[in-house]
Amino acid sequence: MPKNQFQRMVFAFLTVLVTVHAYVFYSLYVVNGAALIQVTGEDSVIHALEAQGGVYMFGRMVPIWCVVLVEFVFAYGLECVMGSPCSFRLAAKNFEIGKTHPVIFESSIICATVGLMCPAMSFLAACFYYPYYEGFHMLTLLANWLKLVCYNFPFAFFTQLFFIQPFIRTVFKLLFRKNNSSN
């Protein structure tokens, strides 16, 4: 797939762009939607978010675009520094690149990326959304982190393996078709 550093950065950008939006939707609507509606008494999640003045992050309410932006910056940084390089090395340790079917090798990269990125981003989310108004307790942070990993890992695994990565690989091939066909 990506053949040089620029292509790797574009691939990571596209992946994180889609993934962050999927996770914000998942976290707000699927995981916390019913609680938001119940607390505010509104008829929908979007109305509940408007009624409470945004999303609780860093100890205060912030607009949803701020949540997406903060999560994108941290996810893109982690993906470029840790996710992509480490997941490729893990996959290459277990499979020979030239002798393994590309689907198996790409799937192993995706699984390794989820295995690395999900706990890391869940830890950051546990810090971002920690209920600081109650005071800070390390055990509460760790419990919140474990809860987020349990919520996020199945979602991350299945969406990355079956939806997001196949979509991003298709878009990437279309963007770099000329470069890939000439090499």
N, C-alpha and C. Protein backbone atom coordinates (compact mmCIF):
# COMPACT_ATOMS: atom_id res chain seq x y z
N MET A 1 0.83 -1.20 0.00
CA MET A 1 0.00 0.00 0.00
C MET A 1 0.87 1.26 0.00
N PRO A 2 1.01 2.00 1.10
CA PRO A 2 1.85 3.20 1.07
C PRO A 2 3.31 2.82 0.79
N LYS A 3 3.92 3.54 -0.15
CA LYS A 3 5.27 3.19 -0.57
C LYS A 3 6.33 4.15 -0.05
N ASN A 4 5.94 5.33 0.41
CA ASN A 4 6.91 6.29 0.93
C ASN A 4 6.31 7.01 2.14
N GLN A 5 7.11 7.87 2.73
CA GLN A 5 6.68 8.56 3.96
C GLN A 5 5.45 9.44 3.71
N PHE A 6 5.42 10.15 2.59
CA PHE A 6 4.27 11.00 2.28
C PHE A 6 3.00 10.16 2.18
N GLN A 7 3.06 9.05 1.47
CA GLN A 7 1.88 8.18 1.34
C GLN A 7 1.47 7.60 2.68
N ARG A 8 2.43 7.27 3.54
CA ARG A 8 2.08 6.76 4.88
C ARG A 8 1.35 7.82 5.70
N MET A 9 1.80 9.07 5.57
CA MET A 9 1.15 10.16 6.30
C MET A 9 -0.27 10.40 5.77
N VAL A 10 -0.45 10.33 4.46
CA VAL A 10 -1.78 10.49 3.87
C VAL A 10 -2.69 9.34 4.30
N PHE A 11 -2.16 8.12 4.26
CA PHE A 11 -2.94 6.96 4.67
C PHE A 11 -3.36 7.10 6.14
N ALA A 12 -2.43 7.49 7.00
CA ALA A 12 -2.76 7.69 8.43
C ALA A 12 -3.78 8.81 8.59
N PHE A 13 -3.63 9.90 7.83
CA PHE A 13 -4.57 11.02 7.90
C PHE A 13 -5.99 10.56 7.55
N LEU A 14 -6.12 9.84 6.44
CA LEU A 14 -7.44 9.36 6.02
C LEU A 14 -8.05 8.40 7.04
N THR A 15 -7.22 7.50 7.54
CA THR A 15 -7.70 6.53 8.53
C THR A 15 -8.19 7.23 9.79
N VAL A 16 -7.40 8.16 10.31
CA VAL A 16 -7.76 8.85 11.55
C VAL A 16 -8.96 9.75 11.32
N LEU A 17 -9.03 10.38 10.18
CA LEU A 17 -10.17 11.26 9.87
C LEU A 17 -11.49 10.49 9.97
N VAL A 18 -11.55 9.33 9.36
CA VAL A 18 -12.77 8.52 9.39
C VAL A 18 -12.98 7.91 10.78
N THR A 19 -11.91 7.40 11.37
CA THR A 19 -12.02 6.71 12.65
C THR A 19 -12.49 7.63 13.76
N VAL A 20 -11.93 8.84 13.85
CA VAL A 20 -12.32 9.76 14.93
C VAL A 20 -13.80 10.10 14.84
N HIS A 21 -14.29 10.37 13.65
CA HIS A 21 -15.72 10.67 13.51
C HIS A 21 -16.57 9.47 13.91
N ALA A 22 -16.13 8.27 13.53
CA ALA A 22 -16.88 7.06 13.90
C ALA A 22 -16.91 6.89 15.42
N TYR A 23 -15.79 7.13 16.09
CA TYR A 23 -15.73 6.96 17.54
C TYR A 23 -16.52 8.01 18.28
N VAL A 24 -16.47 9.25 17.81
CA VAL A 24 -17.26 10.29 18.48
C VAL A 24 -18.74 9.95 18.36
N PHE A 25 -19.17 9.53 17.17
CA PHE A 25 -20.57 9.11 16.99
C PHE A 25 -20.89 7.93 17.90
N TYR A 26 -20.03 6.92 17.90
CA TYR A 26 -20.23 5.72 18.71
C TYR A 26 -20.32 6.08 20.20
N SER A 27 -19.37 6.89 20.68
CA SER A 27 -19.35 7.24 22.10
C SER A 27 -20.56 8.05 22.52
N LEU A 28 -20.94 9.04 21.69
CA LEU A 28 -22.03 9.91 22.08
C LEU A 28 -23.40 9.29 21.85
N TYR A 29 -23.58 8.62 20.74
CA TYR A 29 -24.91 8.10 20.40
C TYR A 29 -25.14 6.70 20.94
N VAL A 30 -24.21 5.78 20.71
CA VAL A 30 -24.45 4.39 21.06
C VAL A 30 -24.19 4.14 22.55
N VAL A 31 -23.02 4.55 23.05
CA VAL A 31 -22.65 4.25 24.43
C VAL A 31 -23.36 5.17 25.41
N ASN A 32 -23.35 6.48 25.15
CA ASN A 32 -23.87 7.44 26.13
C ASN A 32 -25.17 8.12 25.72
N GLY A 33 -25.72 7.79 24.58
CA GLY A 33 -26.91 8.48 24.08
C GLY A 33 -28.11 8.42 25.01
N ALA A 34 -28.43 7.26 25.50
CA ALA A 34 -29.60 7.11 26.38
C ALA A 34 -29.42 7.90 27.68
N ALA A 35 -28.20 7.89 28.22
CA ALA A 35 -27.95 8.64 29.45
C ALA A 35 -28.06 10.14 29.21
N LEU A 36 -27.55 10.62 28.07
CA LEU A 36 -27.66 12.04 27.75
C LEU A 36 -29.12 12.47 27.63
N ILE A 37 -29.92 11.66 26.95
CA ILE A 37 -31.34 11.96 26.79
C ILE A 37 -32.04 11.95 28.14
N GLN A 38 -31.72 10.97 28.97
CA GLN A 38 -32.37 10.85 30.28
C GLN A 38 -32.01 12.03 31.19
N VAL A 39 -30.76 12.43 31.20
CA VAL A 39 -30.31 13.51 32.08
C VAL A 39 -30.92 14.85 31.67
N THR A 40 -31.00 15.10 30.36
CA THR A 40 -31.48 16.40 29.89
C THR A 40 -32.98 16.43 29.66
N GLY A 41 -33.60 15.27 29.46
CA GLY A 41 -35.03 15.23 29.17
C GLY A 41 -35.36 15.58 27.73
N GLU A 42 -34.35 15.63 26.88
CA GLU A 42 -34.57 15.97 25.47
C GLU A 42 -35.01 14.72 24.70
N ASP A 43 -35.43 14.94 23.45
CA ASP A 43 -35.94 13.83 22.65
C ASP A 43 -34.89 13.19 21.75
N SER A 44 -33.70 13.77 21.63
CA SER A 44 -32.65 13.19 20.80
C SER A 44 -31.29 13.53 21.39
N VAL A 45 -30.28 12.82 20.95
CA VAL A 45 -28.93 13.04 21.47
C VAL A 45 -28.42 14.42 21.08
N ILE A 46 -28.65 14.83 19.86
CA ILE A 46 -28.17 16.14 19.42
C ILE A 46 -28.82 17.27 20.22
N HIS A 47 -30.11 17.13 20.51
CA HIS A 47 -30.79 18.11 21.35
C HIS A 47 -30.27 18.07 22.79
N ALA A 48 -29.96 16.88 23.27
CA ALA A 48 -29.40 16.74 24.62
C ALA A 48 -28.03 17.41 24.71
N LEU A 49 -27.22 17.24 23.67
CA LEU A 49 -25.90 17.89 23.66
C LEU A 49 -26.04 19.42 23.62
N GLU A 50 -26.98 19.89 22.83
CA GLU A 50 -27.22 21.34 22.78
C GLU A 50 -27.72 21.86 24.13
N ALA A 51 -28.61 21.09 24.77
CA ALA A 51 -29.18 21.52 26.06
C ALA A 51 -28.13 21.59 27.16
N GLN A 52 -27.18 20.67 27.14
CA GLN A 52 -26.16 20.70 28.19
C GLN A 52 -24.96 21.55 27.82
N GLY A 53 -24.97 22.14 26.64
CA GLY A 53 -23.90 23.07 26.26
C GLY A 53 -22.68 22.41 25.67
N GLY A 54 -22.80 21.21 25.16
CA GLY A 54 -21.68 20.54 24.52
C GLY A 54 -21.37 19.20 25.17
N VAL A 55 -20.10 18.82 25.06
CA VAL A 55 -19.62 17.54 25.58
C VAL A 55 -18.65 17.84 26.73
N TYR A 56 -18.76 17.08 27.80
CA TYR A 56 -17.87 17.26 28.94
C TYR A 56 -16.48 16.75 28.57
N MET A 57 -15.49 17.65 28.59
CA MET A 57 -14.11 17.29 28.26
C MET A 57 -13.18 18.25 29.00
N PHE A 58 -12.13 17.73 29.57
CA PHE A 58 -11.15 18.54 30.31
C PHE A 58 -11.80 19.31 31.47
N GLY A 59 -12.84 18.74 32.06
CA GLY A 59 -13.47 19.36 33.21
C GLY A 59 -14.47 20.45 32.90
N ARG A 60 -14.84 20.62 31.63
CA ARG A 60 -15.86 21.62 31.27
C ARG A 60 -16.55 21.21 29.98
N MET A 61 -17.61 21.91 29.64
CA MET A 61 -18.35 21.62 28.42
C MET A 61 -17.67 22.29 27.23
N VAL A 62 -17.48 21.53 26.17
CA VAL A 62 -16.88 22.06 24.94
C VAL A 62 -17.75 21.66 23.76
N PRO A 63 -17.72 22.42 22.67
CA PRO A 63 -18.50 22.06 21.49
C PRO A 63 -18.00 20.75 20.87
N ILE A 64 -18.87 20.10 20.16
CA ILE A 64 -18.52 18.79 19.59
C ILE A 64 -17.38 18.90 18.58
N TRP A 65 -17.29 20.01 17.86
CA TRP A 65 -16.18 20.16 16.91
C TRP A 65 -14.84 20.19 17.64
N CYS A 66 -14.82 20.69 18.86
CA CYS A 66 -13.62 20.71 19.68
C CYS A 66 -13.22 19.28 20.07
N VAL A 67 -14.20 18.47 20.42
CA VAL A 67 -13.95 17.07 20.75
C VAL A 67 -13.32 16.35 19.57
N VAL A 68 -13.90 16.53 18.39
CA VAL A 68 -13.38 15.89 17.18
C VAL A 68 -11.96 16.37 16.90
N LEU A 69 -11.72 17.65 17.01
CA LEU A 69 -10.40 18.22 16.73
C LEU A 69 -9.34 17.69 17.70
N VAL A 70 -9.64 17.70 18.99
CA VAL A 70 -8.68 17.22 20.00
C VAL A 70 -8.39 15.74 19.78
N GLU A 71 -9.43 14.95 19.60
CA GLU A 71 -9.21 13.52 19.39
C GLU A 71 -8.46 13.25 18.09
N PHE A 72 -8.74 14.03 17.05
CA PHE A 72 -8.02 13.85 15.79
C PHE A 72 -6.53 14.13 15.96
N VAL A 73 -6.19 15.22 16.62
CA VAL A 73 -4.77 15.58 16.79
C VAL A 73 -4.03 14.49 17.56
N PHE A 74 -4.60 14.03 18.66
CA PHE A 74 -3.94 12.99 19.45
C PHE A 74 -3.90 11.65 18.70
N ALA A 75 -4.98 11.29 18.04
CA ALA A 75 -5.01 10.02 17.31
C ALA A 75 -4.03 10.03 16.15
N TYR A 76 -3.96 11.14 15.41
CA TYR A 76 -3.04 11.22 14.28
C TYR A 76 -1.59 11.15 14.77
N GLY A 77 -1.30 11.85 15.84
CA GLY A 77 0.05 11.78 16.41
C GLY A 77 0.42 10.37 16.83
N LEU A 78 -0.49 9.71 17.56
CA LEU A 78 -0.23 8.34 17.99
C LEU A 78 -0.12 7.38 16.81
N GLU A 79 -0.96 7.55 15.83
CA GLU A 79 -0.93 6.67 14.65
C GLU A 79 0.40 6.79 13.92
N CYS A 80 0.89 8.01 13.76
CA CYS A 80 2.15 8.23 13.03
C CYS A 80 3.37 7.77 13.83
N VAL A 81 3.34 7.99 15.14
CA VAL A 81 4.51 7.68 15.97
C VAL A 81 4.53 6.22 16.42
N MET A 82 3.35 5.68 16.80
CA MET A 82 3.31 4.35 17.37
C MET A 82 2.52 3.36 16.53
N GLY A 83 1.29 3.70 16.17
CA GLY A 83 0.37 2.75 15.55
C GLY A 83 0.89 2.11 14.28
N SER A 84 1.16 2.90 13.27
CA SER A 84 1.60 2.36 11.98
C SER A 84 2.95 1.66 12.04
N PRO A 85 3.99 2.32 12.57
CA PRO A 85 5.29 1.65 12.57
C PRO A 85 5.32 0.37 13.40
N CYS A 86 4.75 0.41 14.59
CA CYS A 86 4.79 -0.76 15.46
C CYS A 86 3.92 -1.90 14.94
N SER A 87 2.77 -1.58 14.39
CA SER A 87 1.89 -2.64 13.89
C SER A 87 2.52 -3.33 12.68
N PHE A 88 3.19 -2.57 11.83
CA PHE A 88 3.87 -3.19 10.69
C PHE A 88 4.98 -4.11 11.18
N ARG A 89 5.76 -3.65 12.16
CA ARG A 89 6.84 -4.49 12.68
C ARG A 89 6.30 -5.76 13.34
N LEU A 90 5.19 -5.62 14.08
CA LEU A 90 4.59 -6.81 14.70
C LEU A 90 4.12 -7.80 13.65
N ALA A 91 3.47 -7.30 12.60
CA ALA A 91 2.99 -8.19 11.54
C ALA A 91 4.17 -8.83 10.81
N ALA A 92 5.22 -8.05 10.54
CA ALA A 92 6.39 -8.58 9.83
C ALA A 92 7.15 -9.60 10.67
N LYS A 93 7.07 -9.50 12.00
CA LYS A 93 7.71 -10.49 12.87
C LYS A 93 7.03 -11.86 12.75
N ASN A 94 5.72 -11.83 12.53
CA ASN A 94 4.95 -13.08 12.52
C ASN A 94 4.70 -13.65 11.13
N PHE A 95 4.81 -12.82 10.10
CA PHE A 95 4.56 -13.27 8.74
C PHE A 95 5.66 -12.76 7.82
N GLU A 96 6.02 -13.57 6.83
CA GLU A 96 6.98 -13.13 5.83
C GLU A 96 6.21 -12.36 4.76
N ILE A 97 6.65 -11.13 4.51
CA ILE A 97 5.90 -10.23 3.63
C ILE A 97 5.69 -10.82 2.25
N GLY A 98 6.70 -11.34 1.62
CA GLY A 98 6.57 -11.86 0.26
C GLY A 98 5.86 -13.20 0.16
N LYS A 99 5.87 -13.98 1.23
CA LYS A 99 5.30 -15.33 1.19
C LYS A 99 3.89 -15.42 1.75
N THR A 100 3.44 -14.37 2.42
CA THR A 100 2.10 -14.37 3.04
C THR A 100 1.13 -13.67 2.10
N HIS A 101 -0.06 -14.22 1.99
CA HIS A 101 -1.10 -13.60 1.16
C HIS A 101 -1.33 -12.18 1.65
N PRO A 102 -1.45 -11.21 0.72
CA PRO A 102 -1.61 -9.81 1.13
C PRO A 102 -2.79 -9.55 2.08
N VAL A 103 -3.89 -10.26 1.90
CA VAL A 103 -5.05 -10.06 2.77
C VAL A 103 -4.71 -10.48 4.21
N ILE A 104 -3.99 -11.57 4.35
CA ILE A 104 -3.59 -12.03 5.69
C ILE A 104 -2.63 -11.04 6.32
N PHE A 105 -1.66 -10.58 5.53
CA PHE A 105 -0.68 -9.63 6.07
C PHE A 105 -1.34 -8.30 6.44
N GLU A 106 -2.20 -7.77 5.58
CA GLU A 106 -2.90 -6.52 5.87
C GLU A 106 -3.83 -6.68 7.08
N SER A 107 -4.49 -7.82 7.18
CA SER A 107 -5.36 -8.06 8.34
C SER A 107 -4.56 -8.12 9.64
N SER A 108 -3.37 -8.70 9.57
CA SER A 108 -2.54 -8.75 10.77
C SER A 108 -2.06 -7.35 11.17
N ILE A 109 -1.80 -6.49 10.20
CA ILE A 109 -1.43 -5.10 10.50
C ILE A 109 -2.61 -4.38 11.16
N ILE A 110 -3.80 -4.58 10.62
CA ILE A 110 -5.00 -3.95 11.19
C ILE A 110 -5.21 -4.42 12.62
N CYS A 111 -5.11 -5.73 12.86
CA CYS A 111 -5.31 -6.26 14.21
C CYS A 111 -4.26 -5.72 15.17
N ALA A 112 -3.02 -5.63 14.73
CA ALA A 112 -1.96 -5.09 15.59
C ALA A 112 -2.21 -3.61 15.88
N THR A 113 -2.66 -2.87 14.87
CA THR A 113 -2.95 -1.45 15.07
C THR A 113 -4.06 -1.28 16.10
N VAL A 114 -5.12 -2.05 15.98
CA VAL A 114 -6.22 -1.97 16.95
C VAL A 114 -5.71 -2.35 18.35
N GLY A 115 -4.89 -3.40 18.42
CA GLY A 115 -4.36 -3.83 19.70
C GLY A 115 -3.48 -2.78 20.38
N LEU A 116 -2.84 -1.94 19.59
CA LEU A 116 -2.00 -0.87 20.15
C LEU A 116 -2.78 0.43 20.37
N MET A 117 -3.54 0.83 19.36
CA MET A 117 -4.20 2.14 19.40
C MET A 117 -5.40 2.18 20.33
N CYS A 118 -6.15 1.10 20.43
CA CYS A 118 -7.36 1.11 21.26
C CYS A 118 -7.02 1.37 22.74
N PRO A 119 -6.09 0.64 23.34
CA PRO A 119 -5.76 0.96 24.74
C PRO A 119 -5.15 2.35 24.91
N ALA A 120 -4.33 2.77 23.94
CA ALA A 120 -3.69 4.08 24.05
C ALA A 120 -4.72 5.21 23.96
N MET A 121 -5.57 5.17 22.95
CA MET A 121 -6.58 6.21 22.80
C MET A 121 -7.64 6.14 23.90
N SER A 122 -7.93 4.94 24.38
CA SER A 122 -8.88 4.81 25.49
C SER A 122 -8.30 5.44 26.75
N PHE A 123 -6.99 5.31 26.96
CA PHE A 123 -6.37 5.95 28.11
C PHE A 123 -6.45 7.47 27.98
N LEU A 124 -6.16 7.98 26.78
CA LEU A 124 -6.28 9.43 26.58
C LEU A 124 -7.71 9.89 26.79
N ALA A 125 -8.68 9.12 26.29
CA ALA A 125 -10.08 9.47 26.48
C ALA A 125 -10.45 9.44 27.96
N ALA A 126 -9.91 8.47 28.71
CA ALA A 126 -10.18 8.42 30.15
C ALA A 126 -9.66 9.68 30.83
N CYS A 127 -8.54 10.21 30.34
CA CYS A 127 -8.01 11.48 30.89
C CYS A 127 -8.84 12.67 30.43
N PHE A 128 -9.21 12.69 29.14
CA PHE A 128 -9.98 13.82 28.59
C PHE A 128 -11.33 13.96 29.27
N TYR A 129 -12.02 12.83 29.48
CA TYR A 129 -13.40 12.85 29.96
C TYR A 129 -13.51 12.50 31.44
N TYR A 130 -12.41 12.52 32.16
CA TYR A 130 -12.41 12.19 33.58
C TYR A 130 -13.30 13.19 34.34
N PRO A 131 -14.09 12.71 35.31
CA PRO A 131 -14.94 13.63 36.08
C PRO A 131 -14.13 14.41 37.11
N TYR A 132 -13.40 15.40 36.65
CA TYR A 132 -12.49 16.17 37.52
C TYR A 132 -13.24 16.92 38.63
N TYR A 133 -14.52 17.20 38.42
CA TYR A 133 -15.30 17.88 39.44
C TYR A 133 -15.43 17.05 40.71
N GLU A 134 -15.18 15.75 40.64
CA GLU A 134 -15.24 14.87 41.80
C GLU A 134 -13.88 14.72 42.48
N GLY A 135 -12.85 15.42 41.98
CA GLY A 135 -11.49 15.21 42.47
C GLY A 135 -10.82 14.13 41.64
N PHE A 136 -9.52 14.00 41.77
CA PHE A 136 -8.79 13.02 40.97
C PHE A 136 -8.35 11.85 41.82
N HIS A 137 -8.63 10.64 41.33
CA HIS A 137 -8.20 9.40 41.97
C HIS A 137 -7.67 8.47 40.89
N MET A 138 -6.44 7.99 41.08
CA MET A 138 -5.81 7.14 40.08
C MET A 138 -6.62 5.87 39.81
N LEU A 139 -7.20 5.27 40.83
CA LEU A 139 -7.99 4.04 40.62
C LEU A 139 -9.23 4.33 39.77
N THR A 140 -9.83 5.50 39.95
CA THR A 140 -10.98 5.88 39.12
C THR A 140 -10.55 6.03 37.67
N LEU A 141 -9.40 6.66 37.45
CA LEU A 141 -8.88 6.81 36.09
C LEU A 141 -8.64 5.44 35.46
N LEU A 142 -8.01 4.53 36.19
CA LEU A 142 -7.73 3.19 35.66
C LEU A 142 -9.02 2.41 35.40
N ALA A 143 -10.00 2.55 36.28
CA ALA A 143 -11.29 1.88 36.08
C ALA A 143 -12.00 2.43 34.84
N ASN A 144 -11.96 3.76 34.68
CA ASN A 144 -12.56 4.37 33.49
C ASN A 144 -11.84 3.92 32.23
N TRP A 145 -10.51 3.81 32.30
CA TRP A 145 -9.72 3.35 31.14
C TRP A 145 -10.12 1.92 30.76
N LEU A 146 -10.19 1.04 31.76
CA LEU A 146 -10.56 -0.35 31.49
C LEU A 146 -11.97 -0.43 30.89
N LYS A 147 -12.89 0.36 31.43
CA LYS A 147 -14.25 0.39 30.89
C LYS A 147 -14.25 0.84 29.43
N LEU A 148 -13.49 1.88 29.13
CA LEU A 148 -13.42 2.37 27.75
C LEU A 148 -12.80 1.34 26.81
N VAL A 149 -11.77 0.65 27.26
CA VAL A 149 -11.17 -0.40 26.43
C VAL A 149 -12.20 -1.48 26.14
N CYS A 150 -12.96 -1.86 27.16
CA CYS A 150 -13.99 -2.90 26.96
C CYS A 150 -15.09 -2.45 26.00
N TYR A 151 -15.46 -1.17 26.04
CA TYR A 151 -16.44 -0.65 25.09
C TYR A 151 -15.85 -0.51 23.69
N ASN A 152 -14.64 0.02 23.62
CA ASN A 152 -14.08 0.41 22.34
C ASN A 152 -13.44 -0.73 21.55
N PHE A 153 -12.85 -1.71 22.23
CA PHE A 153 -12.11 -2.74 21.49
C PHE A 153 -12.97 -3.51 20.49
N PRO A 154 -14.13 -4.03 20.88
CA PRO A 154 -14.93 -4.75 19.87
C PRO A 154 -15.34 -3.84 18.70
N PHE A 155 -15.73 -2.60 19.01
CA PHE A 155 -16.09 -1.65 17.96
C PHE A 155 -14.90 -1.38 17.06
N ALA A 156 -13.73 -1.15 17.65
CA ALA A 156 -12.53 -0.86 16.87
C ALA A 156 -12.15 -2.04 15.99
N PHE A 157 -12.16 -3.22 16.56
CA PHE A 157 -11.75 -4.41 15.80
C PHE A 157 -12.63 -4.62 14.57
N PHE A 158 -13.93 -4.65 14.78
CA PHE A 158 -14.82 -4.96 13.66
C PHE A 158 -14.93 -3.82 12.65
N THR A 159 -14.98 -2.58 13.12
CA THR A 159 -15.09 -1.48 12.15
C THR A 159 -13.80 -1.33 11.35
N GLN A 160 -12.65 -1.46 12.00
CA GLN A 160 -11.38 -1.33 11.27
C GLN A 160 -11.19 -2.48 10.28
N LEU A 161 -11.45 -3.69 10.72
CA LEU A 161 -11.20 -4.85 9.88
C LEU A 161 -12.16 -4.95 8.70
N PHE A 162 -13.43 -4.63 8.92
CA PHE A 162 -14.43 -4.88 7.89
C PHE A 162 -14.97 -3.65 7.18
N PHE A 163 -14.81 -2.46 7.75
CA PHE A 163 -15.39 -1.27 7.12
C PHE A 163 -14.37 -0.17 6.84
N ILE A 164 -13.74 0.34 7.89
CA ILE A 164 -12.90 1.52 7.73
C ILE A 164 -11.68 1.24 6.88
N GLN A 165 -10.90 0.21 7.20
CA GLN A 165 -9.69 -0.05 6.43
C GLN A 165 -9.97 -0.45 4.98
N PRO A 166 -10.96 -1.29 4.68
CA PRO A 166 -11.25 -1.54 3.26
C PRO A 166 -11.66 -0.26 2.52
N PHE A 167 -12.43 0.61 3.18
CA PHE A 167 -12.82 1.87 2.55
C PHE A 167 -11.60 2.76 2.32
N ILE A 168 -10.75 2.91 3.34
CA ILE A 168 -9.57 3.77 3.22
C ILE A 168 -8.61 3.21 2.17
N ARG A 169 -8.44 1.91 2.12
CA ARG A 169 -7.55 1.32 1.10
C ARG A 169 -8.08 1.57 -0.31
N THR A 170 -9.39 1.53 -0.48
CA THR A 170 -9.99 1.82 -1.78
C THR A 170 -9.76 3.28 -2.15
N VAL A 171 -10.01 4.19 -1.23
CA VAL A 171 -9.78 5.62 -1.48
C VAL A 171 -8.31 5.88 -1.76
N PHE A 172 -7.44 5.25 -0.98
CA PHE A 172 -6.00 5.43 -1.15
C PHE A 172 -5.56 4.95 -2.54
N LYS A 173 -6.06 3.82 -2.97
CA LYS A 173 -5.71 3.31 -4.30
C LYS A 173 -6.18 4.26 -5.39
N LEU A 174 -7.35 4.87 -5.20
CA LEU A 174 -7.83 5.84 -6.19
C LEU A 174 -6.96 7.10 -6.20
N LEU A 175 -6.55 7.56 -5.03
CA LEU A 175 -5.72 8.76 -4.95
C LEU A 175 -4.33 8.56 -5.56
N PHE A 176 -3.75 7.39 -5.34
CA PHE A 176 -2.39 7.13 -5.78
C PHE A 176 -2.33 6.10 -6.91
N ARG A 177 -3.39 6.01 -7.69
CA ARG A 177 -3.47 5.04 -8.77
C ARG A 177 -2.32 5.22 -9.75
N LYS A 178 -2.05 6.44 -10.16
CA LYS A 178 -0.99 6.70 -11.13
C LYS A 178 0.36 6.30 -10.57
N ASN A 179 0.62 6.67 -9.32
CA ASN A 179 1.89 6.31 -8.69
C ASN A 179 2.05 4.80 -8.51
N ASN A 180 0.96 4.13 -8.12
CA ASN A 180 1.04 2.70 -7.89
C ASN A 180 1.17 1.91 -9.19
N SER A 181 0.54 2.36 -10.27
CA SER A 181 0.60 1.61 -11.53
C SER A 181 1.93 1.80 -12.23
N SER A 182 2.62 2.92 -11.98
CA SER A 182 3.88 3.16 -12.66
C SER A 182 5.05 2.47 -11.96
N ASN A 183 4.86 2.02 -10.70
CA ASN A 183 5.95 1.37 -9.96
C ASN A 183 5.97 -0.12 -10.16
